[in-house]
Amino acid sequence: MKPTPEQAKKFDEENESEVDNWEKGDFGKNTKHAKRIPKAESALIKKKIAETKAQKGLPTSIRLPPELIAELTKLAAACGMGYQTYLRMVLTKHVSELARKQNKGTA
């Protein structure tokens, strides 16, 4: 749920000094607080990152006419999502339906 403007302002005010500390580098850049993780743990983290990337799918790039992107954006906004997420959903549904029809014809 998106915070109200009042909630966002209150959060910003309450966390302003912490944000300043991060931006100045007081947090996160001090080597006295850093420590090397064990190699086994490092390998596990790298494996988990690779698995996560694999689950997300492969990136792709296609050229779409601006008018199509505008229409996708409108339709996606009505569903409360971005146009790329909406496009992925539409493609997945369409391909699933085509595969189901093809499988019916061969069964």
PDB file of N, CA and C in Angstrom:
ATOM      1  N   MET A   1       0.841  -1.167   0.000  1.00  0.00           N
ATOM      2  CA  MET A   1       0.000   0.000   0.000  1.00  0.00           C
ATOM      3  C   MET A   1       0.896   1.244   0.000  1.00  0.00           C
ATOM      4  N   LYS A   2       0.557   2.193  -0.836  1.00  0.00           N
ATOM      5  CA  LYS A   2       1.347   3.408  -0.964  1.00  0.00           C
ATOM      6  C   LYS A   2       1.075   4.325   0.235  1.00  0.00           C
ATOM      7  N   PRO A   3       2.148   4.886   0.824  1.00  0.00           N
ATOM      8  CA  PRO A   3       1.922   5.768   1.980  1.00  0.00           C
ATOM      9  C   PRO A   3       1.265   7.076   1.558  1.00  0.00           C
ATOM     10  N   THR A   4       0.537   7.660   2.481  1.00  0.00           N
ATOM     11  CA  THR A   4      -0.068   8.967   2.216  1.00  0.00           C
ATOM     12  C   THR A   4       1.037  10.013   2.218  1.00  0.00           C
ATOM     13  N   PRO A   5       0.795  11.183   1.623  1.00  0.00           N
ATOM     14  CA  PRO A   5       1.818  12.235   1.648  1.00  0.00           C
ATOM     15  C   PRO A   5       2.243  12.592   3.073  1.00  0.00           C
ATOM     16  N   GLU A   6       1.303  12.563   4.015  1.00  0.00           N
ATOM     17  CA  GLU A   6       1.632  12.871   5.405  1.00  0.00           C
ATOM     18  C   GLU A   6       2.562  11.817   5.998  1.00  0.00           C
ATOM     19  N   GLN A   7       2.275  10.539   5.716  1.00  0.00           N
ATOM     20  CA  GLN A   7       3.120   9.456   6.204  1.00  0.00           C
ATOM     21  C   GLN A   7       4.520   9.542   5.601  1.00  0.00           C
ATOM     22  N   ALA A   8       4.594   9.865   4.308  1.00  0.00           N
ATOM     23  CA  ALA A   8       5.895   9.974   3.641  1.00  0.00           C
ATOM     24  C   ALA A   8       6.701  11.129   4.230  1.00  0.00           C
ATOM     25  N   LYS A   9       6.033  12.265   4.495  1.00  0.00           N
ATOM     26  CA  LYS A   9       6.731  13.417   5.072  1.00  0.00           C
ATOM     27  C   LYS A   9       7.241  13.080   6.471  1.00  0.00           C
ATOM     28  N   LYS A  10       6.394  12.426   7.282  1.00  0.00           N
ATOM     29  CA  LYS A  10       6.789  12.044   8.635  1.00  0.00           C
ATOM     30  C   LYS A  10       7.988  11.100   8.589  1.00  0.00           C
ATOM     31  N   PHE A  11       7.950  10.119   7.679  1.00  0.00           N
ATOM     32  CA  PHE A  11       9.058   9.179   7.536  1.00  0.00           C
ATOM     33  C   PHE A  11      10.344   9.926   7.167  1.00  0.00           C
ATOM     34  N   ASP A  12      10.237  10.837   6.198  1.00  0.00           N
ATOM     35  CA  ASP A  12      11.415  11.605   5.770  1.00  0.00           C
ATOM     36  C   ASP A  12      12.003  12.402   6.928  1.00  0.00           C
ATOM     37  N   GLU A  13      11.131  13.045   7.707  1.00  0.00           N
ATOM     38  CA  GLU A  13      11.600  13.854   8.834  1.00  0.00           C
ATOM     39  C   GLU A  13      12.275  12.979   9.894  1.00  0.00           C
ATOM     40  N   GLU A  14      11.679  11.815  10.176  1.00  0.00           N
ATOM     41  CA  GLU A  14      12.228  10.927  11.201  1.00  0.00           C
ATOM     42  C   GLU A  14      13.559  10.310  10.786  1.00  0.00           C
ATOM     43  N   ASN A  15      13.780  10.147   9.491  1.00  0.00           N
ATOM     44  CA  ASN A  15      14.974   9.452   9.000  1.00  0.00           C
ATOM     45  C   ASN A  15      15.988  10.370   8.327  1.00  0.00           C
ATOM     46  N   GLU A  16      15.771  11.677   8.428  1.00  0.00           N
ATOM     47  CA  GLU A  16      16.640  12.631   7.745  1.00  0.00           C
ATOM     48  C   GLU A  16      18.093  12.524   8.193  1.00  0.00           C
ATOM     49  N   SER A  17      18.343  12.409   9.494  1.00  0.00           N
ATOM     50  CA  SER A  17      19.723  12.353   9.969  1.00  0.00           C
ATOM     51  C   SER A  17      20.404  11.063   9.519  1.00  0.00           C
ATOM     52  N   GLU A  18      19.663   9.963   9.489  1.00  0.00           N
ATOM     53  CA  GLU A  18      20.241   8.702   9.034  1.00  0.00           C
ATOM     54  C   GLU A  18      20.592   8.777   7.551  1.00  0.00           C
ATOM     55  N   VAL A  19      19.710   9.375   6.771  1.00  0.00           N
ATOM     56  CA  VAL A  19      19.978   9.549   5.340  1.00  0.00           C
ATOM     57  C   VAL A  19      21.219  10.412   5.154  1.00  0.00           C
ATOM     58  N   ASP A  20      21.318  11.497   5.915  1.00  0.00           N
ATOM     59  CA  ASP A  20      22.493  12.368   5.829  1.00  0.00           C
ATOM     60  C   ASP A  20      23.770  11.585   6.133  1.00  0.00           C
ATOM     61  N   ASN A  21      23.722  10.730   7.155  1.00  0.00           N
ATOM     62  CA  ASN A  21      24.895   9.935   7.507  1.00  0.00           C
ATOM     63  C   ASN A  21      25.299   8.998   6.375  1.00  0.00           C
ATOM     64  N   TRP A  22      24.331   8.395   5.696  1.00  0.00           N
ATOM     65  CA  TRP A  22      24.653   7.531   4.561  1.00  0.00           C
ATOM     66  C   TRP A  22      25.240   8.356   3.425  1.00  0.00           C
ATOM     67  N   GLU A  23      24.621   9.504   3.125  1.00  0.00           N
ATOM     68  CA  GLU A  23      25.090  10.330   2.013  1.00  0.00           C
ATOM     69  C   GLU A  23      26.477  10.918   2.274  1.00  0.00           C
ATOM     70  N   LYS A  24      26.773  11.273   3.513  1.00  0.00           N
ATOM     71  CA  LYS A  24      28.098  11.806   3.850  1.00  0.00           C
ATOM     72  C   LYS A  24      29.145  10.697   3.885  1.00  0.00           C
ATOM     73  N   GLY A  25      28.701   9.455   3.980  1.00  0.00           N
ATOM     74  CA  GLY A  25      29.641   8.342   4.040  1.00  0.00           C
ATOM     75  C   GLY A  25      29.978   7.920   5.448  1.00  0.00           C
ATOM     76  N   ASP A  26      29.295   8.508   6.444  1.00  0.00           N
ATOM     77  CA  ASP A  26      29.536   8.085   7.825  1.00  0.00           C
ATOM     78  C   ASP A  26      29.126   6.630   8.021  1.00  0.00           C
ATOM     79  N   PHE A  27      28.090   6.210   7.297  1.00  0.00           N
ATOM     80  CA  PHE A  27      27.657   4.820   7.329  1.00  0.00           C
ATOM     81  C   PHE A  27      28.105   4.165   6.023  1.00  0.00           C
ATOM     82  N   GLY A  28      28.555   2.943   6.111  1.00  0.00           N
ATOM     83  CA  GLY A  28      28.822   2.167   4.909  1.00  0.00           C
ATOM     84  C   GLY A  28      30.201   2.279   4.313  1.00  0.00           C
ATOM     85  N   LYS A  29      30.967   3.311   4.670  1.00  0.00           N
ATOM     86  CA  LYS A  29      32.293   3.474   4.073  1.00  0.00           C
ATOM     87  C   LYS A  29      33.429   3.327   5.082  1.00  0.00           C
ATOM     88  N   ASN A  30      33.085   3.108   6.315  1.00  0.00           N
ATOM     89  CA  ASN A  30      34.103   3.020   7.354  1.00  0.00           C
ATOM     90  C   ASN A  30      34.635   1.593   7.412  1.00  0.00           C
ATOM     91  N   THR A  31      35.928   1.424   7.095  1.00  0.00           N
ATOM     92  CA  THR A  31      36.516   0.081   7.033  1.00  0.00           C
ATOM     93  C   THR A  31      36.620  -0.602   8.392  1.00  0.00           C
ATOM     94  N   LYS A  32      36.550   0.161   9.470  1.00  0.00           N
ATOM     95  CA  LYS A  32      36.631  -0.498  10.784  1.00  0.00           C
ATOM     96  C   LYS A  32      35.389  -1.342  11.052  1.00  0.00           C
ATOM     97  N   HIS A  33      34.314  -1.101  10.319  1.00  0.00           N
ATOM     98  CA  HIS A  33      33.093  -1.883  10.482  1.00  0.00           C
ATOM     99  C   HIS A  33      32.987  -2.987   9.438  1.00  0.00           C
ATOM    100  N   ALA A  34      33.943  -3.062   8.517  1.00  0.00           N
ATOM    101  CA  ALA A  34      33.891  -4.062   7.450  1.00  0.00           C
ATOM    102  C   ALA A  34      34.617  -5.324   7.884  1.00  0.00           C
ATOM    103  N   LYS A  35      34.122  -6.448   7.410  1.00  0.00           N
ATOM    104  CA  LYS A  35      34.828  -7.697   7.655  1.00  0.00           C
ATOM    105  C   LYS A  35      34.599  -8.612   6.454  1.00  0.00           C
ATOM    106  N   ARG A  36      35.585  -9.414   6.169  1.00  0.00           N
ATOM    107  CA  ARG A  36      35.515 -10.345   5.049  1.00  0.00           C
ATOM    108  C   ARG A  36      34.669 -11.544   5.462  1.00  0.00           C
ATOM    109  N   ILE A  37      33.772 -11.948   4.551  1.00  0.00           N
ATOM    110  CA  ILE A  37      32.961 -13.122   4.863  1.00  0.00           C
ATOM    111  C   ILE A  37      33.733 -14.375   4.462  1.00  0.00           C
ATOM    112  N   PRO A  38      33.442 -15.497   5.104  1.00  0.00           N
ATOM    113  CA  PRO A  38      34.135 -16.751   4.773  1.00  0.00           C
ATOM    114  C   PRO A  38      33.893 -17.139   3.305  1.00  0.00           C
ATOM    115  N   LYS A  39      34.866 -17.828   2.701  1.00  0.00           N
ATOM    116  CA  LYS A  39      34.761 -18.226   1.295  1.00  0.00           C
ATOM    117  C   LYS A  39      33.527 -19.080   1.036  1.00  0.00           C
ATOM    118  N   ALA A  40      33.204 -19.965   1.950  1.00  0.00           N
ATOM    119  CA  ALA A  40      32.031 -20.829   1.778  1.00  0.00           C
ATOM    120  C   ALA A  40      30.757 -19.989   1.705  1.00  0.00           C
ATOM    121  N   GLU A  41      30.679 -18.994   2.561  1.00  0.00           N
ATOM    122  CA  GLU A  41      29.507 -18.117   2.557  1.00  0.00           C
ATOM    123  C   GLU A  41      29.465 -17.287   1.286  1.00  0.00           C
ATOM    124  N   SER A  42      30.619 -16.828   0.844  1.00  0.00           N
ATOM    125  CA  SER A  42      30.710 -16.051  -0.391  1.00  0.00           C
ATOM    126  C   SER A  42      30.244 -16.884  -1.582  1.00  0.00           C
ATOM    127  N   ALA A  43      30.672 -18.147  -1.635  1.00  0.00           N
ATOM    128  CA  ALA A  43      30.266 -19.042  -2.718  1.00  0.00           C
ATOM    129  C   ALA A  43      28.758 -19.274  -2.694  1.00  0.00           C
ATOM    130  N   LEU A  44      28.203 -19.415  -1.497  1.00  0.00           N
ATOM    131  CA  LEU A  44      26.765 -19.620  -1.351  1.00  0.00           C
ATOM    132  C   LEU A  44      25.994 -18.398  -1.848  1.00  0.00           C
ATOM    133  N   ILE A  45      26.477 -17.217  -1.518  1.00  0.00           N
ATOM    134  CA  ILE A  45      25.827 -15.979  -1.960  1.00  0.00           C
ATOM    135  C   ILE A  45      25.879 -15.873  -3.477  1.00  0.00           C
ATOM    136  N   LYS A  46      27.040 -16.164  -4.062  1.00  0.00           N
ATOM    137  CA  LYS A  46      27.168 -16.105  -5.523  1.00  0.00           C
ATOM    138  C   LYS A  46      26.225 -17.098  -6.200  1.00  0.00           C
ATOM    139  N   LYS A  47      26.097 -18.290  -5.614  1.00  0.00           N
ATOM    140  CA  LYS A  47      25.192 -19.299  -6.162  1.00  0.00           C
ATOM    141  C   LYS A  47      23.747 -18.812  -6.100  1.00  0.00           C
ATOM    142  N   LYS A  48      23.365 -18.215  -4.977  1.00  0.00           N
ATOM    143  CA  LYS A  48      21.998 -17.719  -4.798  1.00  0.00           C
ATOM    144  C   LYS A  48      21.692 -16.596  -5.790  1.00  0.00           C
ATOM    145  N   ILE A  49      22.666 -15.719  -6.015  1.00  0.00           N
ATOM    146  CA  ILE A  49      22.490 -14.632  -6.986  1.00  0.00           C
ATOM    147  C   ILE A  49      22.279 -15.212  -8.377  1.00  0.00           C
ATOM    148  N   ALA A  50      23.074 -16.206  -8.754  1.00  0.00           N
ATOM    149  CA  ALA A  50      22.944 -16.836 -10.066  1.00  0.00           C
ATOM    150  C   ALA A  50      21.572 -17.497 -10.213  1.00  0.00           C
ATOM    151  N   GLU A  51      21.105 -18.180  -9.166  1.00  0.00           N
ATOM    152  CA  GLU A  51      19.785 -18.822  -9.207  1.00  0.00           C
ATOM    153  C   GLU A  51      18.680 -17.782  -9.369  1.00  0.00           C
ATOM    154  N   THR A  52      18.798 -16.680  -8.655  1.00  0.00           N
ATOM    155  CA  THR A  52      17.794 -15.615  -8.729  1.00  0.00           C
ATOM    156  C   THR A  52      17.743 -15.027 -10.130  1.00  0.00           C
ATOM    157  N   LYS A  53      18.923 -14.788 -10.714  1.00  0.00           N
ATOM    158  CA  LYS A  53      18.967 -14.246 -12.074  1.00  0.00           C
ATOM    159  C   LYS A  53      18.336 -15.220 -13.060  1.00  0.00           C
ATOM    160  N   ALA A  54      18.598 -16.504 -12.887  1.00  0.00           N
ATOM    161  CA  ALA A  54      18.048 -17.518 -13.790  1.00  0.00           C
ATOM    162  C   ALA A  54      16.526 -17.568 -13.689  1.00  0.00           C
ATOM    163  N   GLN A  55      15.988 -17.376 -12.488  1.00  0.00           N
ATOM    164  CA  GLN A  55      14.538 -17.417 -12.294  1.00  0.00           C
ATOM    165  C   GLN A  55      13.845 -16.218 -12.926  1.00  0.00           C
ATOM    166  N   LYS A  56      14.539 -15.109 -13.014  1.00  0.00           N
ATOM    167  CA  LYS A  56      13.928 -13.902 -13.566  1.00  0.00           C
ATOM    168  C   LYS A  56      13.735 -13.997 -15.071  1.00  0.00           C
ATOM    169  N   GLY A  57      14.462 -14.854 -15.732  1.00  0.00           N
ATOM    170  CA  GLY A  57      14.344 -14.979 -17.168  1.00  0.00           C
ATOM    171  C   GLY A  57      15.434 -14.209 -17.880  1.00  0.00           C
ATOM    172  N   LEU A  58      15.441 -14.361 -19.173  1.00  0.00           N
ATOM    173  CA  LEU A  58      16.459 -13.719 -19.986  1.00  0.00           C
ATOM    174  C   LEU A  58      16.002 -12.336 -20.431  1.00  0.00           C
ATOM    175  N   PRO A  59      16.890 -11.361 -20.391  1.00  0.00           N
ATOM    176  CA  PRO A  59      16.510 -10.040 -20.893  1.00  0.00           C
ATOM    177  C   PRO A  59      16.400 -10.085 -22.416  1.00  0.00           C
ATOM    178  N   THR A  60      15.494  -9.312 -22.951  1.00  0.00           N
ATOM    179  CA  THR A  60      15.320  -9.243 -24.392  1.00  0.00           C
ATOM    180  C   THR A  60      15.012  -7.816 -24.792  1.00  0.00           C
ATOM    181  N   SER A  61      15.188  -7.533 -26.040  1.00  0.00           N
ATOM    182  CA  SER A  61      14.932  -6.181 -26.523  1.00  0.00           C
ATOM    183  C   SER A  61      14.201  -6.272 -27.852  1.00  0.00           C
ATOM    184  N   ILE A  62      13.080  -5.583 -27.970  1.00  0.00           N
ATOM    185  CA  ILE A  62      12.352  -5.523 -29.237  1.00  0.00           C
ATOM    186  C   ILE A  62      11.955  -4.074 -29.487  1.00  0.00           C
ATOM    187  N   ARG A  63      11.858  -3.750 -30.743  1.00  0.00           N
ATOM    188  CA  ARG A  63      11.415  -2.396 -31.113  1.00  0.00           C
ATOM    189  C   ARG A  63       9.902  -2.415 -31.268  1.00  0.00           C
ATOM    190  N   LEU A  64       9.235  -1.501 -30.587  1.00  0.00           N
ATOM    191  CA  LEU A  64       7.785  -1.384 -30.668  1.00  0.00           C
ATOM    192  C   LEU A  64       7.423   0.024 -31.102  1.00  0.00           C
ATOM    193  N   PRO A  65       6.375   0.158 -31.904  1.00  0.00           N
ATOM    194  CA  PRO A  65       5.943   1.502 -32.301  1.00  0.00           C
ATOM    195  C   PRO A  65       5.494   2.299 -31.072  1.00  0.00           C
ATOM    196  N   PRO A  66       5.776   3.603 -31.057  1.00  0.00           N
ATOM    197  CA  PRO A  66       5.378   4.436 -29.913  1.00  0.00           C
ATOM    198  C   PRO A  66       3.882   4.362 -29.606  1.00  0.00           C
ATOM    199  N   GLU A  67       3.070   4.220 -30.655  1.00  0.00           N
ATOM    200  CA  GLU A  67       1.615   4.149 -30.448  1.00  0.00           C
ATOM    201  C   GLU A  67       1.246   2.886 -29.660  1.00  0.00           C
ATOM    202  N   LEU A  68       1.931   1.781 -29.964  1.00  0.00           N
ATOM    203  CA  LEU A  68       1.665   0.531 -29.253  1.00  0.00           C
ATOM    204  C   LEU A  68       2.077   0.660 -27.794  1.00  0.00           C
ATOM    205  N   ILE A  69       3.225   1.268 -27.545  1.00  0.00           N
ATOM    206  CA  ILE A  69       3.674   1.461 -26.166  1.00  0.00           C
ATOM    207  C   ILE A  69       2.690   2.359 -25.413  1.00  0.00           C
ATOM    208  N   ALA A  70       2.186   3.387 -26.081  1.00  0.00           N
ATOM    209  CA  ALA A  70       1.207   4.274 -25.440  1.00  0.00           C
ATOM    210  C   ALA A  70      -0.051   3.497 -25.057  1.00  0.00           C
ATOM    211  N   GLU A  71      -0.541   2.635 -25.965  1.00  0.00           N
ATOM    212  CA  GLU A  71      -1.731   1.832 -25.671  1.00  0.00           C
ATOM    213  C   GLU A  71      -1.459   0.832 -24.547  1.00  0.00           C
ATOM    214  N   LEU A  72      -0.297   0.178 -24.622  1.00  0.00           N
ATOM    215  CA  LEU A  72       0.066  -0.763 -23.559  1.00  0.00           C
ATOM    216  C   LEU A  72       0.148  -0.063 -22.210  1.00  0.00           C
ATOM    217  N   THR A  73       0.698   1.146 -22.212  1.00  0.00           N
ATOM    218  CA  THR A  73       0.832   1.916 -20.972  1.00  0.00           C
ATOM    219  C   THR A  73      -0.533   2.231 -20.377  1.00  0.00           C
ATOM    220  N   LYS A  74      -1.494   2.619 -21.224  1.00  0.00           N
ATOM    221  CA  LYS A  74      -2.857   2.915 -20.744  1.00  0.00           C
ATOM    222  C   LYS A  74      -3.511   1.656 -20.167  1.00  0.00           C
ATOM    223  N   LEU A  75      -3.417   0.557 -20.915  1.00  0.00           N
ATOM    224  CA  LEU A  75      -4.030  -0.690 -20.459  1.00  0.00           C
ATOM    225  C   LEU A  75      -3.373  -1.180 -19.164  1.00  0.00           C
ATOM    226  N   ALA A  76      -2.060  -1.067 -19.107  1.00  0.00           N
ATOM    227  CA  ALA A  76      -1.329  -1.504 -17.922  1.00  0.00           C
ATOM    228  C   ALA A  76      -1.696  -0.660 -16.708  1.00  0.00           C
ATOM    229  N   ALA A  77      -1.810   0.648 -16.905  1.00  0.00           N
ATOM    230  CA  ALA A  77      -2.157   1.542 -15.796  1.00  0.00           C
ATOM    231  C   ALA A  77      -3.526   1.183 -15.222  1.00  0.00           C
ATOM    232  N   ALA A  78      -4.448   0.777 -16.105  1.00  0.00           N
ATOM    233  CA  ALA A  78      -5.780   0.383 -15.637  1.00  0.00           C
ATOM    234  C   ALA A  78      -5.709  -0.875 -14.762  1.00  0.00           C
ATOM    235  N   CYS A  79      -4.661  -1.675 -14.954  1.00  0.00           N
ATOM    236  CA  CYS A  79      -4.458  -2.893 -14.150  1.00  0.00           C
ATOM    237  C   CYS A  79      -3.505  -2.647 -12.988  1.00  0.00           C
ATOM    238  N   GLY A  80      -3.001  -1.423 -12.884  1.00  0.00           N
ATOM    239  CA  GLY A  80      -2.106  -1.082 -11.779  1.00  0.00           C
ATOM    240  C   GLY A  80      -0.696  -1.614 -11.941  1.00  0.00           C
ATOM    241  N   MET A  81      -0.207  -1.681 -13.174  1.00  0.00           N
ATOM    242  CA  MET A  81       1.156  -2.169 -13.394  1.00  0.00           C
ATOM    243  C   MET A  81       1.826  -1.400 -14.520  1.00  0.00           C
ATOM    244  N   GLY A  82       3.105  -1.623 -14.679  1.00  0.00           N
ATOM    245  CA  GLY A  82       3.859  -0.998 -15.756  1.00  0.00           C
ATOM    246  C   GLY A  82       3.612  -1.721 -17.071  1.00  0.00           C
ATOM    247  N   TYR A  83       3.925  -1.044 -18.189  1.00  0.00           N
ATOM    248  CA  TYR A  83       3.605  -1.637 -19.481  1.00  0.00           C
ATOM    249  C   TYR A  83       4.450  -2.873 -19.789  1.00  0.00           C
ATOM    250  N   GLN A  84       5.680  -2.933 -19.296  1.00  0.00           N
ATOM    251  CA  GLN A  84       6.503  -4.112 -19.571  1.00  0.00           C
ATOM    252  C   GLN A  84       5.972  -5.335 -18.832  1.00  0.00           C
ATOM    253  N   THR A  85       5.551  -5.148 -17.610  1.00  0.00           N
ATOM    254  CA  THR A  85       4.949  -6.239 -16.849  1.00  0.00           C
ATOM    255  C   THR A  85       3.663  -6.694 -17.532  1.00  0.00           C
ATOM    256  N   TYR A  86       2.864  -5.717 -17.970  1.00  0.00           N
ATOM    257  CA  TYR A  86       1.606  -6.025 -18.654  1.00  0.00           C
ATOM    258  C   TYR A  86       1.878  -6.784 -19.951  1.00  0.00           C
ATOM    259  N   LEU A  87       2.864  -6.328 -20.710  1.00  0.00           N
ATOM    260  CA  LEU A  87       3.206  -6.986 -21.972  1.00  0.00           C
ATOM    261  C   LEU A  87       3.645  -8.432 -21.723  1.00  0.00           C
ATOM    262  N   ARG A  88       4.450  -8.653 -20.693  1.00  0.00           N
ATOM    263  CA  ARG A  88       4.886 -10.005 -20.347  1.00  0.00           C
ATOM    264  C   ARG A  88       3.677 -10.879 -20.000  1.00  0.00           C
ATOM    265  N   MET A  89       2.720 -10.313 -19.252  1.00  0.00           N
ATOM    266  CA  MET A  89       1.521 -11.047 -18.880  1.00  0.00           C
ATOM    267  C   MET A  89       0.700 -11.409 -20.122  1.00  0.00           C
ATOM    268  N   VAL A  90       0.521 -10.458 -21.030  1.00  0.00           N
ATOM    269  CA  VAL A  90      -0.255 -10.691 -22.250  1.00  0.00           C
ATOM    270  C   VAL A  90       0.416 -11.758 -23.111  1.00  0.00           C
ATOM    271  N   LEU A  91       1.725 -11.646 -23.276  1.00  0.00           N
ATOM    272  CA  LEU A  91       2.452 -12.634 -24.079  1.00  0.00           C
ATOM    273  C   LEU A  91       2.364 -14.030 -23.464  1.00  0.00           C
ATOM    274  N   THR A  92       2.521 -14.115 -22.161  1.00  0.00           N
ATOM    275  CA  THR A  92       2.453 -15.402 -21.481  1.00  0.00           C
ATOM    276  C   THR A  92       1.082 -16.040 -21.675  1.00  0.00           C
ATOM    277  N   LYS A  93       0.038 -15.255 -21.510  1.00  0.00           N
ATOM    278  CA  LYS A  93      -1.327 -15.772 -21.668  1.00  0.00           C
ATOM    279  C   LYS A  93      -1.562 -16.229 -23.105  1.00  0.00           C
ATOM    280  N   HIS A  94      -1.147 -15.420 -24.065  1.00  0.00           N
ATOM    281  CA  HIS A  94      -1.365 -15.742 -25.474  1.00  0.00           C
ATOM    282  C   HIS A  94      -0.623 -17.030 -25.858  1.00  0.00           C
ATOM    283  N   VAL A  95       0.639 -17.122 -25.478  1.00  0.00           N
ATOM    284  CA  VAL A  95       1.436 -18.296 -25.818  1.00  0.00           C
ATOM    285  C   VAL A  95       0.869 -19.540 -25.135  1.00  0.00           C
ATOM    286  N   SER A  96       0.436 -19.410 -23.893  1.00  0.00           N
ATOM    287  CA  SER A  96      -0.154 -20.552 -23.178  1.00  0.00           C
ATOM    288  C   SER A  96      -1.414 -21.047 -23.885  1.00  0.00           C
ATOM    289  N   GLU A  97      -2.248 -20.115 -24.339  1.00  0.00           N
ATOM    290  CA  GLU A  97      -3.476 -20.495 -25.040  1.00  0.00           C
ATOM    291  C   GLU A  97      -3.163 -21.178 -26.364  1.00  0.00           C
ATOM    292  N   LEU A  98      -2.192 -20.653 -27.113  1.00  0.00           N
ATOM    293  CA  LEU A  98      -1.807 -21.279 -28.380  1.00  0.00           C
ATOM    294  C   LEU A  98      -1.250 -22.683 -28.149  1.00  0.00           C
ATOM    295  N   ALA A  99      -0.412 -22.837 -27.138  1.00  0.00           N
ATOM    296  CA  ALA A  99       0.150 -24.145 -26.833  1.00  0.00           C
ATOM    297  C   ALA A  99      -0.936 -25.123 -26.427  1.00  0.00           C
ATOM    298  N   ARG A 100      -1.905 -24.658 -25.635  1.00  0.00           N
ATOM    299  CA  ARG A 100      -3.008 -25.511 -25.210  1.00  0.00           C
ATOM    300  C   ARG A 100      -3.817 -25.969 -26.419  1.00  0.00           C
ATOM    301  N   LYS A 101      -4.098 -25.056 -27.349  1.00  0.00           N
ATOM    302  CA  LYS A 101      -4.865 -25.412 -28.564  1.00  0.00           C
ATOM    303  C   LYS A 101      -4.091 -26.405 -29.414  1.00  0.00           C
ATOM    304  N   GLN A 102      -2.773 -26.184 -29.537  1.00  0.00           N
ATOM    305  CA  GLN A 102      -1.959 -27.113 -30.329  1.00  0.00           C
ATOM    306  C   GLN A 102      -1.938 -28.489 -29.687  1.00  0.00           C
ATOM    307  N   ASN A 103      -1.827 -28.535 -28.389  1.00  0.00           N
ATOM    308  CA  ASN A 103      -1.804 -29.821 -27.683  1.00  0.00           C
ATOM    309  C   ASN A 103      -3.133 -30.559 -27.807  1.00  0.00           C
ATOM    310  N   LYS A 104      -4.232 -29.811 -27.846  1.00  0.00           N
ATOM    311  CA  LYS A 104      -5.561 -30.433 -28.026  1.00  0.00           C
ATOM    312  C   LYS A 104      -5.657 -31.090 -29.398  1.00  0.00           C
ATOM    313  N   GLY A 105      -5.091 -30.409 -30.398  1.00  0.00           N
ATOM    314  CA  GLY A 105      -5.157 -30.913 -31.775  1.00  0.00           C
ATOM    315  C   GLY A 105      -4.327 -32.163 -31.993  1.00  0.00           C
ATOM    316  N   THR A 106      -3.267 -32.335 -31.203  1.00  0.00           N
ATOM    317  CA  THR A 106      -2.395 -33.491 -31.372  1.00  0.00           C
ATOM    318  C   THR A 106      -2.743 -34.635 -30.433  1.00  0.00           C
ATOM    319  N   ALA A 107      -3.616 -34.370 -29.469  1.00  0.00           N
ATOM    320  CA  ALA A 107      -3.943 -35.412 -28.477  1.00  0.00           C
ATOM    321  C   ALA A 107      -5.052 -36.294 -28.957  1.00  0.00           C
TER     322      ALA A 107
END
